[in-house]
Amino acid sequence: MGLIGGMARTAVVAGTATAVSNRVSRRQAGRWADQQQQEYEHQYYQQQQAQQQAQQYAAPPPAPAPAAAAASDDDVIAQLEKLGELRDKGILTDEEFAAQKAKLLG
């Protein structure tokens, strides 16, 4: 075997080694990608489960505030008396008194 035969043999060995190395690298990269995808899907599934549980066990929304209670008759009478006193003292005119009285009596 001469120099050319030795070089040819080295080239074949090197080429084969490179091809095998590339194949192993691609296969390993594919495995890692599959593993990462499975981890991602597992984490996503756990997050979805946690959100569903949080929604399921979340406190119900607060009840709406009760409507403001209408003024009782005693309050209306007391306010009318105050308006009458203000009118008697001259602070309110008869027209202002009548307007406020109309508002109170609705």
Protein backbone atom coordinates (compact mmCIF):
# COMPACT_ATOMS: atom_id res chain seq x y z
CA MET A 1 0.00 0.00 0.00
CA GLY A 2 1.34 3.18 -1.03
CA LEU A 3 0.82 6.68 0.05
CA ILE A 4 -2.38 7.08 -1.97
CA GLY A 5 -3.85 3.88 -0.52
CA GLY A 6 -3.12 5.05 3.03
CA MET A 7 -4.70 8.42 2.37
CA ALA A 8 -7.75 6.81 0.82
CA ARG A 9 -8.13 4.51 3.79
CA THR A 10 -7.82 7.44 6.21
CA ALA A 11 -10.43 9.40 4.24
CA VAL A 12 -12.88 6.47 4.36
CA VAL A 13 -12.37 6.03 8.10
CA ALA A 14 -12.72 9.76 8.74
CA GLY A 15 -15.81 10.01 6.56
CA THR A 16 -17.44 7.06 8.28
CA ALA A 17 -16.62 8.48 11.70
CA THR A 18 -18.12 11.83 10.74
CA ALA A 19 -21.29 10.24 9.41
CA VAL A 20 -21.73 8.16 12.55
CA SER A 21 -21.03 11.15 14.76
CA ASN A 22 -23.59 13.30 12.91
CA ARG A 23 -26.21 10.55 13.14
CA VAL A 24 -25.64 10.16 16.88
CA SER A 25 -25.85 13.93 17.37
CA ARG A 26 -29.12 14.19 15.43
CA ARG A 27 -30.64 11.28 17.32
CA GLN A 28 -29.57 12.75 20.68
CA ALA A 29 -30.92 16.21 19.73
CA GLY A 30 -34.23 14.58 18.78
CA ARG A 31 -34.40 12.82 22.15
CA TRP A 32 -33.68 16.05 24.00
CA ALA A 33 -36.35 17.87 22.01
CA ASP A 34 -38.86 15.13 22.82
CA GLN A 35 -37.92 15.26 26.48
CA GLN A 36 -38.27 19.05 26.59
CA GLN A 37 -41.66 18.85 24.85
CA GLN A 38 -42.87 16.30 27.40
CA GLU A 39 -41.68 18.49 30.28
CA TYR A 40 -43.41 21.51 28.77
CA GLU A 41 -46.66 19.58 28.31
CA HIS A 42 -46.45 18.28 31.88
CA GLN A 43 -45.93 21.79 33.28
CA TYR A 44 -48.76 23.14 31.15
CA TYR A 45 -51.08 20.39 32.38
CA GLN A 46 -50.17 21.12 36.01
CA GLN A 47 -50.84 24.84 35.52
CA GLN A 48 -54.23 24.11 33.97
CA GLN A 49 -55.13 21.82 36.87
CA ALA A 50 -54.06 24.45 39.42
CA GLN A 51 -56.13 27.14 37.69
CA GLN A 52 -59.19 24.90 37.59
CA GLN A 53 -58.83 24.08 41.27
CA ALA A 54 -58.37 27.74 42.14
CA GLN A 55 -61.53 28.63 40.23
CA GLN A 56 -63.43 25.74 41.77
CA TYR A 57 -62.51 26.65 45.34
CA ALA A 58 -62.49 30.41 44.93
CA ALA A 59 -64.71 32.38 47.25
CA PRO A 60 -67.98 33.40 45.64
CA PRO A 61 -68.26 37.02 44.63
CA PRO A 62 -69.59 39.30 47.36
CA ALA A 63 -73.31 39.85 47.45
CA PRO A 64 -74.48 43.17 46.03
CA ALA A 65 -74.83 45.92 48.54
CA PRO A 66 -78.37 46.34 49.81
CA ALA A 67 -80.29 49.23 48.37
CA ALA A 68 -80.30 52.35 50.47
CA ALA A 69 -83.22 52.23 52.82
CA ALA A 70 -85.94 54.73 52.18
CA ALA A 71 -86.21 57.51 54.69
CA SER A 72 -88.63 56.58 57.43
CA ASP A 73 -91.67 58.68 58.21
CA ASP A 74 -90.05 59.94 61.43
CA ASP A 75 -87.04 61.24 59.46
CA VAL A 76 -89.30 63.05 57.00
CA ILE A 77 -91.28 64.65 59.79
CA ALA A 78 -88.10 65.76 61.56
CA GLN A 79 -86.75 67.30 58.36
CA LEU A 80 -90.03 69.10 57.72
CA GLU A 81 -89.92 70.51 61.23
CA LYS A 82 -86.36 71.79 60.66
CA LEU A 83 -87.42 73.39 57.39
CA GLY A 84 -90.36 75.01 59.14
CA GLU A 85 -88.05 76.43 61.81
CA LEU A 86 -85.71 77.80 59.13
CA ARG A 87 -88.66 79.42 57.38
CA ASP A 88 -89.94 80.89 60.66
CA LYS A 89 -86.50 82.36 61.39
CA GLY A 90 -86.46 83.95 57.95
CA ILE A 91 -83.58 81.86 56.62
CA LEU A 92 -85.81 80.22 53.98
CA THR A 93 -88.44 81.93 51.88
CA ASP A 94 -91.88 80.41 51.46
CA GLU A 95 -90.94 79.30 47.94
CA GLU A 96 -87.74 77.59 49.12
CA PHE A 97 -89.67 75.92 51.92
CA ALA A 98 -92.30 74.67 49.47
CA ALA A 99 -89.60 73.34 47.08
CA GLN A 100 -87.79 71.46 49.86
CA LYS A 101 -91.07 70.12 51.20
CA ALA A 102 -91.98 68.82 47.75
CA LYS A 103 -88.61 67.07 47.50
CA LEU A 104 -89.07 65.37 50.87
CA LEU A 105 -92.63 64.24 50.18
CA GLY A 106 -91.61 63.04 46.75
